[in-house]
Amino acid sequence: MTNISIIAVRKQLIITLTLCGIAVIAPLFHSQLITGSIVNAALFGAVMLAGFRAAASVAVIPSLIALAVGTLPLTMAPMIPFIMVSNIALAGVFALLKKTNYWLAAISASLIKFGLLILSANIILGTITHGQMTLALASMMGWPQLITAILGAVLAYVFLKNGGNSFAESNLLH
C-alpha cells in the first residue's frame, strides 16, 4: 500500500467513526425529530465523504442505541432490523443516484426509506400489537421518518456545502 492509499483509508476510517459517534449520540436527545434528522444527516454525509460501506456501518448502530436509552419503545424492538435495512437502503439509493443530482438522490432515498418502514411497520406491528398501540407505533415509522430523512439531507447538504470539502467544491452538490 502506498502512503497515499494508507492516508485515504485512515481518513475514511476517521470519517466513519466520527459519523458513527454522532449517530450513537443522537438518540440521547430523546426526540424523534432531532434524533432522526441527525442520524439521516450522518448517513447522507457518510455516503458523500466516505462511501456506501461507511454509511452502512453508520446505519446499524443508532437503532440499537435508541432502544437501549428508551428513545425507541421496547415494543418497537421487532422493528430494529427493518429500521437498519431501511437506513442501508437510504444510503444505497443515495449512493447510486448522488452523481446525477444531490436533491433527486436524497428525496428518492428518503422516499424508499419511508416506504420500507411504513410497509414493514404495518405488517410487523400489526401481527404483534393490536388497536391503538399498533396505530401509535406505526405512526412513528410513518411520516416522521420521511420528514427526518429530508431534514437529514438538508443538514448534510448545509454541512457539506459550508464545510469547504472537496465534494462541496465539485459539482456533486447542486
N, C-alpha and C. Protein backbone atom coordinates (compact mmCIF):
# COMPACT_ATOMS: atom_id res chain seq x y z
N MET A 1 0.84 -1.19 0.00
CA MET A 1 0.00 0.00 0.00
C MET A 1 0.88 1.25 0.00
N THR A 2 0.50 2.20 -0.80
CA THR A 2 1.28 3.43 -0.87
C THR A 2 0.86 4.35 0.28
N ASN A 3 1.68 5.35 0.52
CA ASN A 3 1.35 6.33 1.57
C ASN A 3 0.03 7.02 1.30
N ILE A 4 -0.25 7.30 0.02
CA ILE A 4 -1.50 7.99 -0.33
C ILE A 4 -2.69 7.10 -0.01
N SER A 5 -2.62 5.81 -0.33
CA SER A 5 -3.76 4.94 -0.05
C SER A 5 -3.92 4.69 1.45
N ILE A 6 -2.82 4.64 2.18
CA ILE A 6 -2.90 4.50 3.64
C ILE A 6 -3.58 5.73 4.25
N ILE A 7 -3.21 6.89 3.76
CA ILE A 7 -3.83 8.13 4.25
C ILE A 7 -5.32 8.14 3.92
N ALA A 8 -5.68 7.71 2.72
CA ALA A 8 -7.09 7.67 2.31
C ALA A 8 -7.89 6.71 3.19
N VAL A 9 -7.32 5.56 3.49
CA VAL A 9 -8.00 4.58 4.35
C VAL A 9 -8.17 5.15 5.75
N ARG A 10 -7.14 5.78 6.27
CA ARG A 10 -7.23 6.40 7.60
C ARG A 10 -8.29 7.48 7.63
N LYS A 11 -8.31 8.31 6.59
CA LYS A 11 -9.31 9.39 6.50
C LYS A 11 -10.72 8.79 6.49
N GLN A 12 -10.92 7.75 5.68
CA GLN A 12 -12.24 7.10 5.60
C GLN A 12 -12.63 6.51 6.94
N LEU A 13 -11.69 5.88 7.63
CA LEU A 13 -11.96 5.30 8.94
C LEU A 13 -12.31 6.38 9.97
N ILE A 14 -11.59 7.47 9.95
CA ILE A 14 -11.87 8.57 10.89
C ILE A 14 -13.26 9.17 10.62
N ILE A 15 -13.58 9.37 9.35
CA ILE A 15 -14.90 9.89 9.00
C ILE A 15 -16.00 8.93 9.45
N THR A 16 -15.81 7.65 9.18
CA THR A 16 -16.81 6.64 9.56
C THR A 16 -16.99 6.60 11.06
N LEU A 17 -15.91 6.57 11.80
CA LEU A 17 -16.01 6.53 13.27
C LEU A 17 -16.63 7.80 13.83
N THR A 18 -16.30 8.93 13.26
CA THR A 18 -16.89 10.20 13.72
C THR A 18 -18.40 10.21 13.48
N LEU A 19 -18.82 9.82 12.28
CA LEU A 19 -20.25 9.81 11.98
C LEU A 19 -20.99 8.73 12.77
N CYS A 20 -20.34 7.61 13.04
CA CYS A 20 -20.94 6.59 13.92
C CYS A 20 -21.13 7.18 15.32
N GLY A 21 -20.13 7.91 15.79
CA GLY A 21 -20.24 8.55 17.10
C GLY A 21 -21.38 9.55 17.17
N ILE A 22 -21.52 10.35 16.13
CA ILE A 22 -22.63 11.31 16.07
C ILE A 22 -23.96 10.57 16.07
N ALA A 23 -24.05 9.50 15.27
CA ALA A 23 -25.29 8.73 15.20
C ALA A 23 -25.60 8.04 16.52
N VAL A 24 -24.58 7.64 17.26
CA VAL A 24 -24.78 6.99 18.56
C VAL A 24 -25.26 8.00 19.60
N ILE A 25 -24.75 9.20 19.54
CA ILE A 25 -25.13 10.24 20.50
C ILE A 25 -26.53 10.79 20.21
N ALA A 26 -26.94 10.80 18.96
CA ALA A 26 -28.23 11.39 18.55
C ALA A 26 -29.42 10.88 19.35
N PRO A 27 -29.57 9.56 19.61
CA PRO A 27 -30.74 9.10 20.37
C PRO A 27 -30.82 9.65 21.79
N LEU A 28 -29.73 10.17 22.30
CA LEU A 28 -29.74 10.72 23.65
C LEU A 28 -30.56 12.01 23.75
N PHE A 29 -30.91 12.60 22.62
CA PHE A 29 -31.76 13.79 22.62
C PHE A 29 -33.21 13.46 22.94
N HIS A 30 -33.59 12.18 22.88
CA HIS A 30 -34.94 11.72 23.21
C HIS A 30 -36.03 12.44 22.42
N SER A 31 -35.72 12.83 21.20
CA SER A 31 -36.69 13.46 20.32
C SER A 31 -36.55 12.82 18.94
N GLN A 32 -37.62 12.25 18.45
CA GLN A 32 -37.56 11.59 17.15
C GLN A 32 -37.16 12.56 16.05
N LEU A 33 -37.65 13.78 16.11
CA LEU A 33 -37.32 14.77 15.08
C LEU A 33 -35.83 15.08 15.07
N ILE A 34 -35.27 15.32 16.24
CA ILE A 34 -33.84 15.66 16.33
C ILE A 34 -32.98 14.43 16.03
N THR A 35 -33.29 13.32 16.69
CA THR A 35 -32.51 12.10 16.51
C THR A 35 -32.53 11.65 15.05
N GLY A 36 -33.72 11.55 14.47
CA GLY A 36 -33.84 11.09 13.09
C GLY A 36 -33.12 11.99 12.11
N SER A 37 -33.24 13.29 12.31
CA SER A 37 -32.57 14.24 11.41
C SER A 37 -31.06 14.10 11.49
N ILE A 38 -30.53 13.96 12.70
CA ILE A 38 -29.08 13.81 12.87
C ILE A 38 -28.59 12.49 12.28
N VAL A 39 -29.30 11.41 12.57
CA VAL A 39 -28.89 10.10 12.04
C VAL A 39 -28.93 10.11 10.52
N ASN A 40 -29.99 10.64 9.94
CA ASN A 40 -30.07 10.70 8.49
C ASN A 40 -29.00 11.60 7.89
N ALA A 41 -28.70 12.70 8.54
CA ALA A 41 -27.61 13.57 8.08
C ALA A 41 -26.28 12.80 8.11
N ALA A 42 -26.08 12.03 9.17
CA ALA A 42 -24.86 11.21 9.26
C ALA A 42 -24.81 10.19 8.12
N LEU A 43 -25.95 9.61 7.77
CA LEU A 43 -25.99 8.65 6.67
C LEU A 43 -25.66 9.31 5.32
N PHE A 44 -26.31 10.44 5.05
CA PHE A 44 -26.02 11.16 3.81
C PHE A 44 -24.56 11.62 3.78
N GLY A 45 -24.10 12.15 4.90
CA GLY A 45 -22.71 12.61 4.98
C GLY A 45 -21.72 11.48 4.80
N ALA A 46 -22.02 10.33 5.39
CA ALA A 46 -21.12 9.18 5.25
C ALA A 46 -20.98 8.76 3.80
N VAL A 47 -22.11 8.73 3.08
CA VAL A 47 -22.05 8.38 1.66
C VAL A 47 -21.17 9.38 0.91
N MET A 48 -21.38 10.65 1.15
CA MET A 48 -20.65 11.69 0.42
C MET A 48 -19.17 11.72 0.77
N LEU A 49 -18.86 11.51 2.03
CA LEU A 49 -17.48 11.67 2.49
C LEU A 49 -16.65 10.39 2.50
N ALA A 50 -17.31 9.25 2.68
CA ALA A 50 -16.54 8.01 2.85
C ALA A 50 -17.11 6.84 2.07
N GLY A 51 -18.25 6.99 1.42
CA GLY A 51 -18.80 5.93 0.59
C GLY A 51 -19.88 5.11 1.25
N PHE A 52 -20.46 4.22 0.45
CA PHE A 52 -21.59 3.41 0.92
C PHE A 52 -21.23 2.51 2.09
N ARG A 53 -20.08 1.88 2.06
CA ARG A 53 -19.70 0.97 3.16
C ARG A 53 -19.66 1.70 4.50
N ALA A 54 -19.15 2.90 4.49
CA ALA A 54 -19.11 3.69 5.72
C ALA A 54 -20.54 3.98 6.18
N ALA A 55 -21.39 4.34 5.24
CA ALA A 55 -22.79 4.64 5.58
C ALA A 55 -23.50 3.41 6.12
N ALA A 56 -23.20 2.25 5.56
CA ALA A 56 -23.81 1.01 6.05
C ALA A 56 -23.40 0.76 7.50
N SER A 57 -22.19 1.10 7.85
CA SER A 57 -21.75 0.97 9.24
C SER A 57 -22.53 1.93 10.14
N VAL A 58 -22.70 3.14 9.67
CA VAL A 58 -23.45 4.14 10.43
C VAL A 58 -24.92 3.73 10.54
N ALA A 59 -25.44 3.02 9.58
CA ALA A 59 -26.86 2.68 9.51
C ALA A 59 -27.33 1.71 10.59
N VAL A 60 -26.46 0.88 11.11
CA VAL A 60 -26.91 -0.17 12.01
C VAL A 60 -26.85 0.20 13.49
N ILE A 61 -26.06 1.17 13.85
CA ILE A 61 -25.82 1.46 15.27
C ILE A 61 -26.92 2.26 15.97
N PRO A 62 -27.45 3.33 15.38
CA PRO A 62 -28.39 4.20 16.11
C PRO A 62 -29.63 3.51 16.65
N SER A 63 -30.18 2.56 15.91
CA SER A 63 -31.40 1.89 16.37
C SER A 63 -31.17 1.11 17.66
N LEU A 64 -30.02 0.48 17.75
CA LEU A 64 -29.69 -0.26 18.98
C LEU A 64 -29.55 0.69 20.16
N ILE A 65 -28.91 1.82 19.93
CA ILE A 65 -28.75 2.82 20.99
C ILE A 65 -30.11 3.41 21.37
N ALA A 66 -30.94 3.70 20.37
CA ALA A 66 -32.27 4.26 20.64
C ALA A 66 -33.10 3.31 21.50
N LEU A 67 -33.00 2.03 21.25
CA LEU A 67 -33.72 1.05 22.06
C LEU A 67 -33.14 1.02 23.48
N ALA A 68 -31.83 1.04 23.59
CA ALA A 68 -31.17 0.97 24.90
C ALA A 68 -31.47 2.17 25.79
N VAL A 69 -31.56 3.37 25.20
CA VAL A 69 -31.79 4.57 26.00
C VAL A 69 -33.25 4.95 26.11
N GLY A 70 -34.14 4.22 25.42
CA GLY A 70 -35.56 4.47 25.57
C GLY A 70 -36.18 5.39 24.55
N THR A 71 -35.41 5.88 23.57
CA THR A 71 -36.00 6.70 22.51
C THR A 71 -36.96 5.86 21.69
N LEU A 72 -36.61 4.61 21.50
CA LEU A 72 -37.46 3.65 20.81
C LEU A 72 -38.09 2.77 21.87
N PRO A 73 -39.43 2.75 21.97
CA PRO A 73 -40.08 1.91 22.98
C PRO A 73 -39.72 0.43 22.79
N LEU A 74 -39.69 -0.30 23.89
CA LEU A 74 -39.36 -1.73 23.85
C LEU A 74 -40.25 -2.49 22.88
N THR A 75 -41.50 -2.07 22.77
CA THR A 75 -42.41 -2.74 21.84
C THR A 75 -41.97 -2.59 20.38
N MET A 76 -41.05 -1.66 20.14
CA MET A 76 -40.55 -1.45 18.78
C MET A 76 -39.35 -2.33 18.47
N ALA A 77 -38.86 -3.11 19.41
CA ALA A 77 -37.67 -3.94 19.20
C ALA A 77 -37.76 -4.80 17.93
N PRO A 78 -38.93 -5.40 17.62
CA PRO A 78 -39.00 -6.19 16.38
C PRO A 78 -38.77 -5.36 15.11
N MET A 79 -38.88 -4.05 15.22
CA MET A 79 -38.69 -3.19 14.06
C MET A 79 -37.22 -2.86 13.79
N ILE A 80 -36.35 -3.11 14.75
CA ILE A 80 -34.95 -2.70 14.61
C ILE A 80 -34.30 -3.24 13.34
N PRO A 81 -34.44 -4.52 13.01
CA PRO A 81 -33.83 -4.98 11.75
C PRO A 81 -34.37 -4.23 10.52
N PHE A 82 -35.64 -3.88 10.55
CA PHE A 82 -36.24 -3.18 9.42
C PHE A 82 -35.78 -1.72 9.36
N ILE A 83 -35.56 -1.14 10.52
CA ILE A 83 -35.01 0.23 10.57
C ILE A 83 -33.60 0.22 10.00
N MET A 84 -32.81 -0.78 10.40
CA MET A 84 -31.45 -0.89 9.88
C MET A 84 -31.45 -1.09 8.37
N VAL A 85 -32.31 -1.97 7.89
CA VAL A 85 -32.40 -2.22 6.44
C VAL A 85 -32.83 -0.95 5.71
N SER A 86 -33.78 -0.23 6.26
CA SER A 86 -34.24 1.00 5.60
C SER A 86 -33.14 2.06 5.59
N ASN A 87 -32.34 2.12 6.65
CA ASN A 87 -31.21 3.05 6.67
C ASN A 87 -30.17 2.67 5.62
N ILE A 88 -29.91 1.37 5.49
CA ILE A 88 -28.97 0.90 4.47
C ILE A 88 -29.53 1.18 3.08
N ALA A 89 -30.84 0.99 2.91
CA ALA A 89 -31.47 1.29 1.61
C ALA A 89 -31.35 2.77 1.28
N LEU A 90 -31.57 3.64 2.28
CA LEU A 90 -31.42 5.07 2.07
C LEU A 90 -30.01 5.37 1.56
N ALA A 91 -29.02 4.81 2.24
CA ALA A 91 -27.62 5.04 1.85
C ALA A 91 -27.34 4.47 0.46
N GLY A 92 -27.87 3.29 0.18
CA GLY A 92 -27.63 2.67 -1.11
C GLY A 92 -28.24 3.43 -2.27
N VAL A 93 -29.49 3.81 -2.12
CA VAL A 93 -30.16 4.57 -3.19
C VAL A 93 -29.46 5.91 -3.38
N PHE A 94 -29.13 6.56 -2.29
CA PHE A 94 -28.44 7.85 -2.37
C PHE A 94 -27.08 7.68 -3.05
N ALA A 95 -26.34 6.64 -2.69
CA ALA A 95 -25.03 6.40 -3.29
C ALA A 95 -25.14 6.16 -4.80
N LEU A 96 -26.18 5.45 -5.21
CA LEU A 96 -26.37 5.16 -6.63
C LEU A 96 -26.73 6.40 -7.44
N LEU A 97 -27.48 7.32 -6.83
CA LEU A 97 -28.01 8.46 -7.58
C LEU A 97 -27.30 9.79 -7.33
N LYS A 98 -26.40 9.84 -6.37
CA LYS A 98 -25.83 11.12 -5.93
C LYS A 98 -25.10 11.89 -7.03
N LYS A 99 -24.55 11.19 -7.99
CA LYS A 99 -23.81 11.89 -9.05
C LYS A 99 -24.72 12.57 -10.06
N THR A 100 -25.98 12.14 -10.12
CA THR A 100 -26.91 12.78 -11.05
C THR A 100 -27.36 14.13 -10.50
N ASN A 101 -27.82 14.12 -9.26
CA ASN A 101 -28.30 15.35 -8.62
C ASN A 101 -28.50 15.04 -7.14
N TYR A 102 -27.90 15.85 -6.28
CA TYR A 102 -27.97 15.63 -4.84
C TYR A 102 -29.42 15.52 -4.37
N TRP A 103 -30.26 16.47 -4.77
CA TRP A 103 -31.62 16.52 -4.25
C TRP A 103 -32.49 15.40 -4.79
N LEU A 104 -32.33 15.06 -6.05
CA LEU A 104 -33.05 13.92 -6.60
C LEU A 104 -32.65 12.64 -5.85
N ALA A 105 -31.37 12.49 -5.62
CA ALA A 105 -30.87 11.31 -4.90
C ALA A 105 -31.39 11.29 -3.46
N ALA A 106 -31.34 12.43 -2.79
CA ALA A 106 -31.75 12.50 -1.39
C ALA A 106 -33.25 12.25 -1.23
N ILE A 107 -34.05 12.85 -2.08
CA ILE A 107 -35.50 12.66 -1.98
C ILE A 107 -35.89 11.24 -2.36
N SER A 108 -35.28 10.71 -3.40
CA SER A 108 -35.56 9.32 -3.80
C SER A 108 -35.20 8.36 -2.66
N ALA A 109 -34.03 8.56 -2.07
CA ALA A 109 -33.59 7.71 -0.97
C ALA A 109 -34.52 7.83 0.23
N SER A 110 -34.95 9.06 0.51
CA SER A 110 -35.87 9.30 1.64
C SER A 110 -37.21 8.60 1.41
N LEU A 111 -37.72 8.67 0.19
CA LEU A 111 -38.99 8.01 -0.14
C LEU A 111 -38.89 6.49 -0.04
N ILE A 112 -37.77 5.93 -0.47
CA ILE A 112 -37.56 4.48 -0.37
C ILE A 112 -37.52 4.07 1.11
N LYS A 113 -36.79 4.82 1.92
CA LYS A 113 -36.72 4.52 3.35
C LYS A 113 -38.12 4.59 3.96
N PHE A 114 -38.82 5.65 3.68
CA PHE A 114 -40.18 5.84 4.18
C PHE A 114 -41.08 4.67 3.77
N GLY A 115 -41.04 4.30 2.51
CA GLY A 115 -41.88 3.20 2.02
C GLY A 115 -41.57 1.88 2.71
N LEU A 116 -40.28 1.58 2.85
CA LEU A 116 -39.89 0.34 3.54
C LEU A 116 -40.36 0.33 4.99
N LEU A 117 -40.21 1.45 5.66
CA LEU A 117 -40.59 1.50 7.08
C LEU A 117 -42.09 1.44 7.28
N ILE A 118 -42.84 2.16 6.49
CA ILE A 118 -44.29 2.16 6.68
C ILE A 118 -44.87 0.79 6.36
N LEU A 119 -44.35 0.15 5.31
CA LEU A 119 -44.81 -1.18 4.95
C LEU A 119 -44.45 -2.20 6.02
N SER A 120 -43.21 -2.21 6.44
CA SER A 120 -42.80 -3.19 7.45
C SER A 120 -43.48 -2.93 8.79
N ALA A 121 -43.68 -1.67 9.15
CA ALA A 121 -44.34 -1.35 10.41
C ALA A 121 -45.77 -1.87 10.42
N ASN A 122 -46.47 -1.66 9.34
CA ASN A 122 -47.86 -2.12 9.29
C ASN A 122 -47.95 -3.64 9.35
N ILE A 123 -47.02 -4.33 8.71
CA ILE A 123 -47.04 -5.78 8.72
C ILE A 123 -46.57 -6.33 10.07
N ILE A 124 -45.40 -5.91 10.51
CA ILE A 124 -44.80 -6.46 11.74
C ILE A 124 -45.59 -6.05 12.97
N LEU A 125 -45.85 -4.76 13.11
CA LEU A 125 -46.54 -4.29 14.31
C LEU A 125 -47.99 -4.77 14.34
N GLY A 126 -48.58 -4.93 13.17
CA GLY A 126 -49.95 -5.44 13.12
C GLY A 126 -50.06 -6.88 13.61
N THR A 127 -48.99 -7.63 13.51
CA THR A 127 -49.02 -9.02 13.98
C THR A 127 -48.70 -9.16 15.46
N ILE A 128 -48.02 -8.16 16.05
CA ILE A 128 -47.64 -8.31 17.46
C ILE A 128 -48.38 -7.38 18.41
N THR A 129 -49.06 -6.37 17.85
CA THR A 129 -49.82 -5.46 18.70
C THR A 129 -51.23 -5.33 18.13
N HIS A 130 -52.10 -4.66 18.88
CA HIS A 130 -53.48 -4.52 18.43
C HIS A 130 -53.99 -3.11 18.71
N GLY A 131 -54.95 -2.69 17.89
CA GLY A 131 -55.69 -1.46 18.12
C GLY A 131 -54.85 -0.21 18.11
N GLN A 132 -55.08 0.62 19.12
CA GLN A 132 -54.44 1.93 19.21
C GLN A 132 -52.92 1.83 19.33
N MET A 133 -52.43 0.79 19.98
CA MET A 133 -50.99 0.64 20.12
C MET A 133 -50.35 0.47 18.75
N THR A 134 -50.97 -0.33 17.89
CA THR A 134 -50.45 -0.51 16.53
C THR A 134 -50.40 0.82 15.80
N LEU A 135 -51.47 1.60 15.90
CA LEU A 135 -51.51 2.89 15.22
C LEU A 135 -50.44 3.84 15.76
N ALA A 136 -50.27 3.87 17.07
CA ALA A 136 -49.29 4.77 17.68
C ALA A 136 -47.86 4.39 17.26
N LEU A 137 -47.56 3.11 17.32
CA LEU A 137 -46.22 2.66 16.98
C LEU A 137 -45.96 2.79 15.48
N ALA A 138 -46.95 2.45 14.68
CA ALA A 138 -46.79 2.57 13.22
C ALA A 138 -46.62 4.03 12.81
N SER A 139 -47.25 4.93 13.55
CA SER A 139 -47.12 6.35 13.19
C SER A 139 -45.69 6.85 13.39
N MET A 140 -44.95 6.25 14.32
CA MET A 140 -43.54 6.59 14.49
C MET A 140 -42.73 6.21 13.26
N MET A 141 -43.19 5.19 12.56
CA MET A 141 -42.48 4.70 11.38
C MET A 141 -43.04 5.28 10.09
N GLY A 142 -43.94 6.24 10.21
CA GLY A 142 -44.58 6.84 9.05
C GLY A 142 -43.97 8.17 8.66
N TRP A 143 -44.83 9.18 8.60
CA TRP A 143 -44.43 10.50 8.14
C TRP A 143 -43.22 11.07 8.87
N PRO A 144 -43.07 10.86 10.17
CA PRO A 144 -41.86 11.40 10.82
C PRO A 144 -40.56 10.87 10.18
N GLN A 145 -40.60 9.65 9.66
CA GLN A 145 -39.41 9.09 9.02
C GLN A 145 -39.08 9.83 7.72
N LEU A 146 -40.09 10.16 6.97
CA LEU A 146 -39.87 10.90 5.72
C LEU A 146 -39.37 12.31 6.04
N ILE A 147 -39.97 12.94 7.01
CA ILE A 147 -39.58 14.30 7.39
C ILE A 147 -38.14 14.33 7.89
N THR A 148 -37.79 13.39 8.77
CA THR A 148 -36.43 13.40 9.32
C THR A 148 -35.39 13.02 8.26
N ALA A 149 -35.78 12.18 7.30
CA ALA A 149 -34.84 11.85 6.22
C ALA A 149 -34.56 13.08 5.37
N ILE A 150 -35.60 13.82 5.04
CA ILE A 150 -35.41 15.03 4.23
C ILE A 150 -34.65 16.10 5.03
N LEU A 151 -34.99 16.26 6.30
CA LEU A 151 -34.24 17.20 7.13
C LEU A 151 -32.78 16.78 7.25
N GLY A 152 -32.54 15.49 7.34
CA GLY A 152 -31.17 14.99 7.38
C GLY A 152 -30.41 15.33 6.10
N ALA A 153 -31.09 15.22 4.96
CA ALA A 153 -30.47 15.59 3.68
C ALA A 153 -30.12 17.07 3.65
N VAL A 154 -31.02 17.90 4.20
CA VAL A 154 -30.77 19.34 4.26
C VAL A 154 -29.58 19.63 5.18
N LEU A 155 -29.56 19.01 6.35
CA LEU A 155 -28.43 19.21 7.28
C LEU A 155 -27.11 18.79 6.65
N ALA A 156 -27.10 17.63 6.01
CA ALA A 156 -25.87 17.14 5.37
C ALA A 156 -25.44 18.09 4.26
N TYR A 157 -26.40 18.56 3.48
CA TYR A 157 -26.08 19.48 2.39
C TYR A 157 -25.45 20.75 2.93
N VAL A 158 -26.06 21.33 3.96
CA VAL A 158 -25.53 22.57 4.55
C VAL A 158 -24.13 22.33 5.09
N PHE A 159 -23.94 21.22 5.79
CA PHE A 159 -22.63 20.90 6.33
C PHE A 159 -21.60 20.73 5.22
N LEU A 160 -21.95 19.95 4.20
CA LEU A 160 -21.01 19.68 3.11
C LEU A 160 -20.73 20.93 2.29
N LYS A 161 -21.75 21.71 2.05
CA LYS A 161 -21.60 22.93 1.25
C LYS A 161 -20.75 23.97 1.98
N ASN A 162 -20.94 24.09 3.29
CA ASN A 162 -20.23 25.09 4.06
C ASN A 162 -18.94 24.57 4.69
N GLY A 163 -18.75 23.27 4.62
CA GLY A 163 -17.55 22.68 5.22
C GLY A 163 -16.31 22.85 4.37
N GLY A 164 -16.48 23.28 3.13
CA GLY A 164 -15.33 23.51 2.27
C GLY A 164 -14.62 22.23 1.84
N ASN A 165 -15.33 21.11 1.88
CA ASN A 165 -14.68 19.86 1.47
C ASN A 165 -14.67 19.73 -0.04
N SER A 166 -13.96 18.75 -0.54
CA SER A 166 -13.80 18.59 -1.98
C SER A 166 -15.12 18.25 -2.66
N PHE A 167 -16.05 17.60 -1.97
CA PHE A 167 -17.34 17.28 -2.57
C PHE A 167 -18.15 18.54 -2.79
N ALA A 168 -18.14 19.44 -1.81
CA ALA A 168 -18.90 20.68 -1.95
C ALA A 168 -18.31 21.55 -3.04
N GLU A 169 -17.02 21.47 -3.21
CA GLU A 169 -16.36 22.30 -4.24
C GLU A 169 -16.55 21.72 -5.64
N SER A 170 -16.90 20.44 -5.72
CA SER A 170 -17.14 19.83 -7.02
C SER A 170 -18.60 20.06 -7.42
N ASN A 171 -19.01 19.46 -8.49
CA ASN A 171 -20.39 19.62 -8.96
C ASN A 171 -21.35 18.61 -8.35
N LEU A 172 -20.92 17.85 -7.35
CA LEU A 172 -21.81 16.86 -6.74
C LEU A 172 -22.95 17.51 -5.98
N LEU A 173 -22.74 18.67 -5.45
CA LEU A 173 -23.79 19.35 -4.69
C LEU A 173 -24.33 20.52 -5.51
N HIS A 174 -25.41 20.26 -6.22
CA HIS A 174 -26.08 21.36 -6.93
C HIS A 174 -27.54 21.26 -6.78
